[in-house]
PDB file of N, CA and C in Angstrom:
ATOM      1  N   MET A   1     115.997  71.466  40.232  1.00  0.00           N
ATOM      2  CA  MET A   1     116.178  72.217  41.453  1.00  0.00           C
ATOM      3  C   MET A   1     116.117  71.250  42.637  1.00  0.00           C
ATOM      4  N   LEU A   2     117.039  71.405  43.539  1.00  0.00           N
ATOM      5  CA  LEU A   2     117.092  70.552  44.724  1.00  0.00           C
ATOM      6  C   LEU A   2     115.948  70.884  45.673  1.00  0.00           C
ATOM      7  N   PRO A   3     115.533  69.914  46.501  1.00  0.00           N
ATOM      8  CA  PRO A   3     114.416  70.157  47.424  1.00  0.00           C
ATOM      9  C   PRO A   3     114.612  71.387  48.309  1.00  0.00           C
ATOM     10  N   PHE A   4     115.817  71.560  48.862  1.00  0.00           N
ATOM     11  CA  PHE A   4     116.030  72.711  49.733  1.00  0.00           C
ATOM     12  C   PHE A   4     115.949  74.027  48.962  1.00  0.00           C
ATOM     13  N   GLU A   5     116.468  74.050  47.739  1.00  0.00           N
ATOM     14  CA  GLU A   5     116.389  75.266  46.924  1.00  0.00           C
ATOM     15  C   GLU A   5     114.938  75.632  46.629  1.00  0.00           C
ATOM     16  N   ARG A   6     114.143  74.626  46.348  1.00  0.00           N
ATOM     17  CA  ARG A   6     112.717  74.856  46.094  1.00  0.00           C
ATOM     18  C   ARG A   6     112.031  75.397  47.348  1.00  0.00           C
ATOM     19  N   LEU A   7     112.322  74.798  48.492  1.00  0.00           N
ATOM     20  CA  LEU A   7     111.768  75.268  49.761  1.00  0.00           C
ATOM     21  C   LEU A   7     112.166  76.721  50.023  1.00  0.00           C
ATOM     22  N   GLN A   8     113.420  77.016  49.783  1.00  0.00           N
ATOM     23  CA  GLN A   8     113.930  78.370  50.005  1.00  0.00           C
ATOM     24  C   GLN A   8     113.222  79.380  49.095  1.00  0.00           C
ATOM     25  N   ASN A   9     113.062  79.057  47.824  1.00  0.00           N
ATOM     26  CA  ASN A   9     112.365  79.954  46.899  1.00  0.00           C
ATOM     27  C   ASN A   9     110.909  80.148  47.287  1.00  0.00           C
ATOM     28  N   LEU A  10     110.250  79.061  47.666  1.00  0.00           N
ATOM     29  CA  LEU A  10     108.844  79.166  48.048  1.00  0.00           C
ATOM     30  C   LEU A  10     108.646  80.017  49.295  1.00  0.00           C
ATOM     31  N   ASN A  11     109.634  80.025  50.177  1.00  0.00           N
ATOM     32  CA  ASN A  11     109.503  80.762  51.435  1.00  0.00           C
ATOM     33  C   ASN A  11     110.186  82.125  51.410  1.00  0.00           C
ATOM     34  N   THR A  12     110.674  82.539  50.262  1.00  0.00           N
ATOM     35  CA  THR A  12     111.272  83.873  50.155  1.00  0.00           C
ATOM     36  C   THR A  12     110.628  84.597  48.973  1.00  0.00           C
ATOM     37  N   LYS A  13     111.189  84.443  47.802  1.00  0.00           N
ATOM     38  CA  LYS A  13     110.764  85.197  46.621  1.00  0.00           C
ATOM     39  C   LYS A  13     109.308  84.977  46.245  1.00  0.00           C
ATOM     40  N   GLU A  14     108.802  83.787  46.458  1.00  0.00           N
ATOM     41  CA  GLU A  14     107.428  83.492  46.048  1.00  0.00           C
ATOM     42  C   GLU A  14     106.393  83.866  47.106  1.00  0.00           C
ATOM     43  N   ASN A  15     106.834  84.265  48.263  1.00  0.00           N
ATOM     44  CA  ASN A  15     105.931  84.746  49.321  1.00  0.00           C
ATOM     45  C   ASN A  15     106.458  86.059  49.893  1.00  0.00           C
ATOM     46  N   LEU A  16     106.722  86.976  49.007  1.00  0.00           N
ATOM     47  CA  LEU A  16     107.320  88.252  49.361  1.00  0.00           C
ATOM     48  C   LEU A  16     106.438  89.073  50.307  1.00  0.00           C
ATOM     49  N   TRP A  17     105.154  88.835  50.252  1.00  0.00           N
ATOM     50  CA  TRP A  17     104.224  89.611  51.073  1.00  0.00           C
ATOM     51  C   TRP A  17     104.553  89.516  52.555  1.00  0.00           C
ATOM     52  N   ILE A  18     105.025  88.366  53.013  1.00  0.00           N
ATOM     53  CA  ILE A  18     105.353  88.176  54.434  1.00  0.00           C
ATOM     54  C   ILE A  18     106.453  89.154  54.844  1.00  0.00           C
ATOM     55  N   TYR A  19     107.450  89.285  54.016  1.00  0.00           N
ATOM     56  CA  TYR A  19     108.587  90.156  54.318  1.00  0.00           C
ATOM     57  C   TYR A  19     108.198  91.624  54.221  1.00  0.00           C
ATOM     58  N   ILE A  20     107.364  91.958  53.251  1.00  0.00           N
ATOM     59  CA  ILE A  20     106.906  93.336  53.101  1.00  0.00           C
ATOM     60  C   ILE A  20     106.083  93.754  54.306  1.00  0.00           C
ATOM     61  N   LEU A  21     105.127  92.931  54.706  1.00  0.00           N
ATOM     62  CA  LEU A  21     104.300  93.279  55.869  1.00  0.00           C
ATOM     63  C   LEU A  21     105.142  93.364  57.136  1.00  0.00           C
ATOM     64  N   SER A  22     106.112  92.494  57.264  1.00  0.00           N
ATOM     65  CA  SER A  22     107.001  92.520  58.422  1.00  0.00           C
ATOM     66  C   SER A  22     107.761  93.843  58.491  1.00  0.00           C
ATOM     67  N   LEU A  23     108.263  94.313  57.369  1.00  0.00           N
ATOM     68  CA  LEU A  23     108.971  95.596  57.337  1.00  0.00           C
ATOM     69  C   LEU A  23     108.035  96.766  57.636  1.00  0.00           C
ATOM     70  N   LEU A  24     106.824  96.703  57.100  1.00  0.00           N
ATOM     71  CA  LEU A  24     105.875  97.795  57.298  1.00  0.00           C
ATOM     72  C   LEU A  24     105.359  97.872  58.736  1.00  0.00           C
ATOM     73  N   LYS A  25     105.462  96.786  59.477  1.00  0.00           N
ATOM     74  CA  LYS A  25     105.067  96.819  60.891  1.00  0.00           C
ATOM     75  C   LYS A  25     105.926  97.802  61.678  1.00  0.00           C
ATOM     76  N   LYS A  26     107.139  98.044  61.212  1.00  0.00           N
ATOM     77  CA  LYS A  26     108.061  98.944  61.907  1.00  0.00           C
ATOM     78  C   LYS A  26     107.821 100.404  61.539  1.00  0.00           C
ATOM     79  N   GLY A  27     107.014 100.641  60.496  1.00  0.00           N
ATOM     80  CA  GLY A  27     106.699 101.999  60.088  1.00  0.00           C
ATOM     81  C   GLY A  27     106.546 102.116  58.585  1.00  0.00           C
ATOM     82  N   PRO A  28     106.002 103.240  58.125  1.00  0.00           N
ATOM     83  CA  PRO A  28     105.795 103.456  56.691  1.00  0.00           C
ATOM     84  C   PRO A  28     107.114 103.433  55.908  1.00  0.00           C
ATOM     85  N   VAL A  29     107.022 102.958  54.658  1.00  0.00           N
ATOM     86  CA  VAL A  29     108.202 102.800  53.812  1.00  0.00           C
ATOM     87  C   VAL A  29     107.834 103.196  52.380  1.00  0.00           C
ATOM     88  N   TYR A  30     108.789 103.823  51.681  1.00  0.00           N
ATOM     89  CA  TYR A  30     108.615 104.087  50.258  1.00  0.00           C
ATOM     90  C   TYR A  30     108.827 102.785  49.498  1.00  0.00           C
ATOM     91  N   ALA A  31     108.096 102.620  48.419  1.00  0.00           N
ATOM     92  CA  ALA A  31     108.172 101.376  47.644  1.00  0.00           C
ATOM     93  C   ALA A  31     109.591 101.080  47.173  1.00  0.00           C
ATOM     94  N   TRP A  32     110.317 102.096  46.734  1.00  0.00           N
ATOM     95  CA  TRP A  32     111.657 101.861  46.188  1.00  0.00           C
ATOM     96  C   TRP A  32     112.650 101.378  47.243  1.00  0.00           C
ATOM     97  N   GLU A  33     112.329 101.536  48.528  1.00  0.00           N
ATOM     98  CA  GLU A  33     113.209 101.083  49.602  1.00  0.00           C
ATOM     99  C   GLU A  33     113.066  99.592  49.912  1.00  0.00           C
ATOM    100  N   ILE A  34     111.943  99.023  49.538  1.00  0.00           N
ATOM    101  CA  ILE A  34     111.601  97.650  49.935  1.00  0.00           C
ATOM    102  C   ILE A  34     112.659  96.638  49.514  1.00  0.00           C
ATOM    103  N   GLN A  35     113.087  96.677  48.257  1.00  0.00           N
ATOM    104  CA  GLN A  35     114.035  95.675  47.762  1.00  0.00           C
ATOM    105  C   GLN A  35     115.319  95.662  48.590  1.00  0.00           C
ATOM    106  N   SER A  36     115.900  96.832  48.832  1.00  0.00           N
ATOM    107  CA  SER A  36     117.160  96.867  49.587  1.00  0.00           C
ATOM    108  C   SER A  36     116.951  96.516  51.054  1.00  0.00           C
ATOM    109  N   MET A  37     115.800  96.865  51.612  1.00  0.00           N
ATOM    110  CA  MET A  37     115.509  96.511  53.004  1.00  0.00           C
ATOM    111  C   MET A  37     115.376  95.001  53.166  1.00  0.00           C
ATOM    112  N   ILE A  38     114.735  94.350  52.205  1.00  0.00           N
ATOM    113  CA  ILE A  38     114.587  92.895  52.252  1.00  0.00           C
ATOM    114  C   ILE A  38     115.957  92.231  52.145  1.00  0.00           C
ATOM    115  N   GLU A  39     116.758  92.711  51.224  1.00  0.00           N
ATOM    116  CA  GLU A  39     118.093  92.133  51.054  1.00  0.00           C
ATOM    117  C   GLU A  39     118.924  92.301  52.329  1.00  0.00           C
ATOM    118  N   LYS A  40     118.858  93.467  52.926  1.00  0.00           N
ATOM    119  CA  LYS A  40     119.655  93.742  54.130  1.00  0.00           C
ATOM    120  C   LYS A  40     119.176  92.934  55.340  1.00  0.00           C
ATOM    121  N   LYS A  41     117.859  92.906  55.550  1.00  0.00           N
ATOM    122  CA  LYS A  41     117.331  92.250  56.754  1.00  0.00           C
ATOM    123  C   LYS A  41     117.172  90.737  56.616  1.00  0.00           C
ATOM    124  N   PHE A  42     116.736  90.281  55.433  1.00  0.00           N
ATOM    125  CA  PHE A  42     116.385  88.868  55.281  1.00  0.00           C
ATOM    126  C   PHE A  42     117.378  88.066  54.436  1.00  0.00           C
ATOM    127  N   GLY A  43     118.335  88.740  53.796  1.00  0.00           N
ATOM    128  CA  GLY A  43     119.406  88.035  53.110  1.00  0.00           C
ATOM    129  C   GLY A  43     119.104  87.488  51.729  1.00  0.00           C
ATOM    130  N   PHE A  44     118.066  87.978  51.073  1.00  0.00           N
ATOM    131  CA  PHE A  44     117.815  87.605  49.686  1.00  0.00           C
ATOM    132  C   PHE A  44     117.343  88.838  48.927  1.00  0.00           C
ATOM    133  N   LYS A  45     117.553  88.815  47.633  1.00  0.00           N
ATOM    134  CA  LYS A  45     117.215  89.976  46.813  1.00  0.00           C
ATOM    135  C   LYS A  45     116.060  89.635  45.873  1.00  0.00           C
ATOM    136  N   PRO A  46     114.913  90.248  46.105  1.00  0.00           N
ATOM    137  CA  PRO A  46     113.793  90.016  45.188  1.00  0.00           C
ATOM    138  C   PRO A  46     114.044  90.741  43.865  1.00  0.00           C
ATOM    139  N   GLY A  47     113.299  90.382  42.847  1.00  0.00           N
ATOM    140  CA  GLY A  47     113.409  91.071  41.559  1.00  0.00           C
ATOM    141  C   GLY A  47     113.094  92.546  41.710  1.00  0.00           C
ATOM    142  N   ARG A  48     113.495  93.332  40.735  1.00  0.00           N
ATOM    143  CA  ARG A  48     113.314  94.777  40.815  1.00  0.00           C
ATOM    144  C   ARG A  48     111.851  95.202  40.820  1.00  0.00           C
ATOM    145  N   ILE A  49     111.038  94.529  40.044  1.00  0.00           N
ATOM    146  CA  ILE A  49     109.633  94.893  39.897  1.00  0.00           C
ATOM    147  C   ILE A  49     108.739  94.142  40.894  1.00  0.00           C
ATOM    148  N   THR A  50     109.169  92.987  41.329  1.00  0.00           N
ATOM    149  CA  THR A  50     108.344  92.121  42.173  1.00  0.00           C
ATOM    150  C   THR A  50     107.816  92.810  43.431  1.00  0.00           C
ATOM    151  N   PRO A  51     108.616  93.575  44.183  1.00  0.00           N
ATOM    152  CA  PRO A  51     108.064  94.243  45.370  1.00  0.00           C
ATOM    153  C   PRO A  51     106.923  95.209  45.038  1.00  0.00           C
ATOM    154  N   TYR A  52     107.025  95.896  43.910  1.00  0.00           N
ATOM    155  CA  TYR A  52     105.955  96.814  43.501  1.00  0.00           C
ATOM    156  C   TYR A  52     104.670  96.046  43.225  1.00  0.00           C
ATOM    157  N   ARG A  53     104.800  94.949  42.514  1.00  0.00           N
ATOM    158  CA  ARG A  53     103.614  94.133  42.222  1.00  0.00           C
ATOM    159  C   ARG A  53     102.993  93.598  43.497  1.00  0.00           C
ATOM    160  N   ALA A  54     103.837  93.155  44.429  1.00  0.00           N
ATOM    161  CA  ALA A  54     103.321  92.648  45.704  1.00  0.00           C
ATOM    162  C   ALA A  54     102.632  93.763  46.484  1.00  0.00           C
ATOM    163  N   LEU A  55     103.223  94.952  46.502  1.00  0.00           N
ATOM    164  CA  LEU A  55     102.605  96.080  47.214  1.00  0.00           C
ATOM    165  C   LEU A  55     101.257  96.447  46.624  1.00  0.00           C
ATOM    166  N   TYR A  56     101.161  96.500  45.301  1.00  0.00           N
ATOM    167  CA  TYR A  56      99.893  96.825  44.660  1.00  0.00           C
ATOM    168  C   TYR A  56      98.823  95.803  45.019  1.00  0.00           C
ATOM    169  N   ARG A  57      99.204  94.539  45.015  1.00  0.00           N
ATOM    170  CA  ARG A  57      98.244  93.486  45.357  1.00  0.00           C
ATOM    171  C   ARG A  57      97.839  93.575  46.827  1.00  0.00           C
ATOM    172  N   LEU A  58      98.819  93.811  47.712  1.00  0.00           N
ATOM    173  CA  LEU A  58      98.518  93.964  49.137  1.00  0.00           C
ATOM    174  C   LEU A  58      97.581  95.138  49.381  1.00  0.00           C
ATOM    175  N   GLU A  59      97.786  96.210  48.637  1.00  0.00           N
ATOM    176  CA  GLU A  59      96.902  97.369  48.793  1.00  0.00           C
ATOM    177  C   GLU A  59      95.513  97.063  48.262  1.00  0.00           C
ATOM    178  N   GLU A  60      95.456  96.413  47.125  1.00  0.00           N
ATOM    179  CA  GLU A  60      94.173  96.036  46.531  1.00  0.00           C
ATOM    180  C   GLU A  60      93.358  95.163  47.479  1.00  0.00           C
ATOM    181  N   ASP A  61      94.042  94.297  48.220  1.00  0.00           N
ATOM    182  CA  ASP A  61      93.372  93.384  49.144  1.00  0.00           C
ATOM    183  C   ASP A  61      93.183  93.971  50.541  1.00  0.00           C
ATOM    184  N   GLY A  62      93.635  95.207  50.764  1.00  0.00           N
ATOM    185  CA  GLY A  62      93.395  95.885  52.039  1.00  0.00           C
ATOM    186  C   GLY A  62      94.417  95.600  53.131  1.00  0.00           C
ATOM    187  N   PHE A  63      95.557  95.011  52.790  1.00  0.00           N
ATOM    188  CA  PHE A  63      96.573  94.699  53.797  1.00  0.00           C
ATOM    189  C   PHE A  63      97.550  95.852  54.030  1.00  0.00           C
ATOM    190  N   VAL A  64      97.670  96.723  53.049  1.00  0.00           N
ATOM    191  CA  VAL A  64      98.475  97.936  53.189  1.00  0.00           C
ATOM    192  C   VAL A  64      97.687  99.107  52.629  1.00  0.00           C
ATOM    193  N   LYS A  65      98.134 100.288  53.009  1.00  0.00           N
ATOM    194  CA  LYS A  65      97.514 101.520  52.539  1.00  0.00           C
ATOM    195  C   LYS A  65      98.634 102.432  52.067  1.00  0.00           C
ATOM    196  N   SER A  66      98.401 103.143  50.973  1.00  0.00           N
ATOM    197  CA  SER A  66      99.432 104.052  50.484  1.00  0.00           C
ATOM    198  C   SER A  66      98.960 105.496  50.609  1.00  0.00           C
ATOM    199  N   LEU A  67      99.938 106.379  50.707  1.00  0.00           N
ATOM    200  CA  LEU A  67      99.651 107.802  50.721  1.00  0.00           C
ATOM    201  C   LEU A  67     100.782 108.524  50.006  1.00  0.00           C
ATOM    202  N   MET A  68     100.439 109.628  49.371  1.00  0.00           N
ATOM    203  CA  MET A  68     101.446 110.402  48.650  1.00  0.00           C
ATOM    204  C   MET A  68     102.138 111.337  49.627  1.00  0.00           C
ATOM    205  N   GLU A  69     103.452 111.343  49.552  1.00  0.00           N
ATOM    206  CA  GLU A  69     104.256 112.210  50.396  1.00  0.00           C
ATOM    207  C   GLU A  69     105.376 112.779  49.539  1.00  0.00           C
ATOM    208  N   GLU A  70     105.314 114.062  49.282  1.00  0.00           N
ATOM    209  CA  GLU A  70     106.313 114.731  48.442  1.00  0.00           C
ATOM    210  C   GLU A  70     106.517 114.022  47.106  1.00  0.00           C
ATOM    211  N   ARG A  71     105.446 113.804  46.393  1.00  0.00           N
ATOM    212  CA  ARG A  71     105.439 113.185  45.069  1.00  0.00           C
ATOM    213  C   ARG A  71     105.887 111.729  45.063  1.00  0.00           C
ATOM    214  N   ARG A  72     105.982 111.120  46.207  1.00  0.00           N
ATOM    215  CA  ARG A  72     106.345 109.697  46.287  1.00  0.00           C
ATOM    216  C   ARG A  72     105.288 108.968  47.094  1.00  0.00           C
ATOM    217  N   ARG A  73     105.060 107.743  46.723  1.00  0.00           N
ATOM    218  CA  ARG A  73     104.055 106.929  47.402  1.00  0.00           C
ATOM    219  C   ARG A  73     104.698 106.169  48.559  1.00  0.00           C
ATOM    220  N   MET A  74     104.113 106.332  49.728  1.00  0.00           N
ATOM    221  CA  MET A  74     104.584 105.654  50.929  1.00  0.00           C
ATOM    222  C   MET A  74     103.524 104.635  51.340  1.00  0.00           C
ATOM    223  N   TYR A  75     103.981 103.489  51.814  1.00  0.00           N
ATOM    224  CA  TYR A  75     103.070 102.408  52.201  1.00  0.00           C
ATOM    225  C   TYR A  75     103.143 102.164  53.695  1.00  0.00           C
ATOM    226  N   LYS A  76     101.978 101.843  54.263  1.00  0.00           N
ATOM    227  CA  LYS A  76     101.932 101.448  55.668  1.00  0.00           C
ATOM    228  C   LYS A  76     100.973 100.282  55.814  1.00  0.00           C
ATOM    229  N   ILE A  77     101.210  99.499  56.841  1.00  0.00           N
ATOM    230  CA  ILE A  77     100.397  98.309  57.083  1.00  0.00           C
ATOM    231  C   ILE A  77      99.057  98.713  57.696  1.00  0.00           C
ATOM    232  N   THR A  78      98.015  97.974  57.372  1.00  0.00           N
ATOM    233  CA  THR A  78      96.698  98.189  57.975  1.00  0.00           C
ATOM    234  C   THR A  78      96.488  97.160  59.088  1.00  0.00           C
ATOM    235  N   SER A  79      95.420  97.300  59.832  1.00  0.00           N
ATOM    236  CA  SER A  79      95.123  96.312  60.877  1.00  0.00           C
ATOM    237  C   SER A  79      94.864  94.938  60.250  1.00  0.00           C
ATOM    238  N   LYS A  80      94.269  94.922  59.059  1.00  0.00           N
ATOM    239  CA  LYS A  80      94.062  93.661  58.346  1.00  0.00           C
ATOM    240  C   LYS A  80      95.409  93.020  57.994  1.00  0.00           C
ATOM    241  N   GLY A  81      96.378  93.834  57.607  1.00  0.00           N
ATOM    242  CA  GLY A  81      97.722  93.347  57.300  1.00  0.00           C
ATOM    243  C   GLY A  81      98.419  92.812  58.533  1.00  0.00           C
ATOM    244  N   GLU A  82      98.240  93.493  59.660  1.00  0.00           N
ATOM    245  CA  GLU A  82      98.837  93.020  60.914  1.00  0.00           C
ATOM    246  C   GLU A  82      98.272  91.665  61.315  1.00  0.00           C
ATOM    247  N   GLU A  83      96.982  91.479  61.112  1.00  0.00           N
ATOM    248  CA  GLU A  83      96.365  90.177  61.404  1.00  0.00           C
ATOM    249  C   GLU A  83      96.923  89.093  60.486  1.00  0.00           C
ATOM    250  N   GLU A  84      97.143  89.429  59.227  1.00  0.00           N
ATOM    251  CA  GLU A  84      97.649  88.444  58.267  1.00  0.00           C
ATOM    252  C   GLU A  84      99.074  88.017  58.612  1.00  0.00           C
ATOM    253  N   ILE A  85      99.909  88.955  59.045  1.00  0.00           N
ATOM    254  CA  ILE A  85     101.282  88.605  59.412  1.00  0.00           C
ATOM    255  C   ILE A  85     101.283  87.752  60.687  1.00  0.00           C
ATOM    256  N   LYS A  86     100.348  87.993  61.592  1.00  0.00           N
ATOM    257  CA  LYS A  86     100.221  87.139  62.785  1.00  0.00           C
ATOM    258  C   LYS A  86      99.870  85.710  62.380  1.00  0.00           C
ATOM    259  N   LYS A  87      98.957  85.570  61.433  1.00  0.00           N
ATOM    260  CA  LYS A  87      98.587  84.238  60.945  1.00  0.00           C
ATOM    261  C   LYS A  87      99.798  83.526  60.350  1.00  0.00           C
ATOM    262  N   ALA A  88     100.584  84.258  59.562  1.00  0.00           N
ATOM    263  CA  ALA A  88     101.777  83.666  58.933  1.00  0.00           C
ATOM    264  C   ALA A  88     102.774  83.210  59.987  1.00  0.00           C
ATOM    265  N   LYS A  89     103.006  84.034  60.997  1.00  0.00           N
ATOM    266  CA  LYS A  89     103.943  83.670  62.060  1.00  0.00           C
ATOM    267  C   LYS A  89     103.461  82.436  62.814  1.00  0.00           C
ATOM    268  N   ASN A  90     102.174  82.379  63.108  1.00  0.00           N
ATOM    269  CA  ASN A  90     101.615  81.209  63.795  1.00  0.00           C
ATOM    270  C   ASN A  90     101.734  79.959  62.936  1.00  0.00           C
ATOM    271  N   PHE A  91     101.522  80.105  61.627  1.00  0.00           N
ATOM    272  CA  PHE A  91     101.671  78.981  60.714  1.00  0.00           C
ATOM    273  C   PHE A  91     103.092  78.438  60.765  1.00  0.00           C
ATOM    274  N   TYR A  92     104.089  79.341  60.670  1.00  0.00           N
ATOM    275  CA  TYR A  92     105.487  78.901  60.695  1.00  0.00           C
ATOM    276  C   TYR A  92     105.862  78.294  62.047  1.00  0.00           C
ATOM    277  N   ARG A  93     105.360  78.865  63.130  1.00  0.00           N
ATOM    278  CA  ARG A  93     105.635  78.282  64.458  1.00  0.00           C
ATOM    279  C   ARG A  93     105.088  76.862  64.542  1.00  0.00           C
ATOM    280  N   THR A  94     103.856  76.685  64.083  1.00  0.00           N
ATOM    281  CA  THR A  94     103.229  75.366  64.111  1.00  0.00           C
ATOM    282  C   THR A  94     104.014  74.377  63.253  1.00  0.00           C
ATOM    283  N   MET A  95     104.435  74.811  62.086  1.00  0.00           N
ATOM    284  CA  MET A  95     105.206  73.938  61.205  1.00  0.00           C
ATOM    285  C   MET A  95     106.538  73.554  61.859  1.00  0.00           C
ATOM    286  N   MET A  96     107.200  74.502  62.483  1.00  0.00           N
ATOM    287  CA  MET A  96     108.479  74.207  63.149  1.00  0.00           C
ATOM    288  C   MET A  96     108.266  73.230  64.323  1.00  0.00           C
ATOM    289  N   ASP A  97     107.197  73.445  65.085  1.00  0.00           N
ATOM    290  CA  ASP A  97     106.886  72.525  66.196  1.00  0.00           C
ATOM    291  C   ASP A  97     106.658  71.117  65.665  1.00  0.00           C
ATOM    292  N   GLN A  98     105.927  71.011  64.570  1.00  0.00           N
ATOM    293  CA  GLN A  98     105.649  69.698  63.998  1.00  0.00           C
ATOM    294  C   GLN A  98     106.903  69.044  63.437  1.00  0.00           C
ATOM    295  N   LEU A  99     107.778  69.831  62.848  1.00  0.00           N
ATOM    296  CA  LEU A  99     109.036  69.275  62.330  1.00  0.00           C
ATOM    297  C   LEU A  99     109.971  68.847  63.442  1.00  0.00           C
ATOM    298  N   ASN A 100     109.868  69.478  64.584  1.00  0.00           N
ATOM    299  CA  ASN A 100     110.738  69.151  65.733  1.00  0.00           C
ATOM    300  C   ASN A 100     110.233  67.942  66.522  1.00  0.00           C
ATOM    301  N   ASP A 101     109.031  67.504  66.282  1.00  0.00           N
ATOM    302  CA  ASP A 101     108.505  66.340  67.014  1.00  0.00           C
ATOM    303  C   ASP A 101     109.158  65.054  66.552  1.00  0.00           C
TER     304      ASP A 101
END
């Protein structure tokens, strides 16, 4: 795998939580919508099961909260999740500033 391909994978599919939390900041979302929303907004397609696994882990760690709505589970970001996405954005800003020096 080429260096850029590895970088791209590490910053997309392998860190799906960033994209999920970013989408949830705009409002609650059903789990089955996540994959197509990521593909549409961010330009890559995660695996079919991967978003579910990421959501379960995010919920387990307190970054998202789920609720049942008409027999379907809907997810929303928590204040802890909002703080985590802020940290990620600051990390990327700092990295970009350092790369531009």
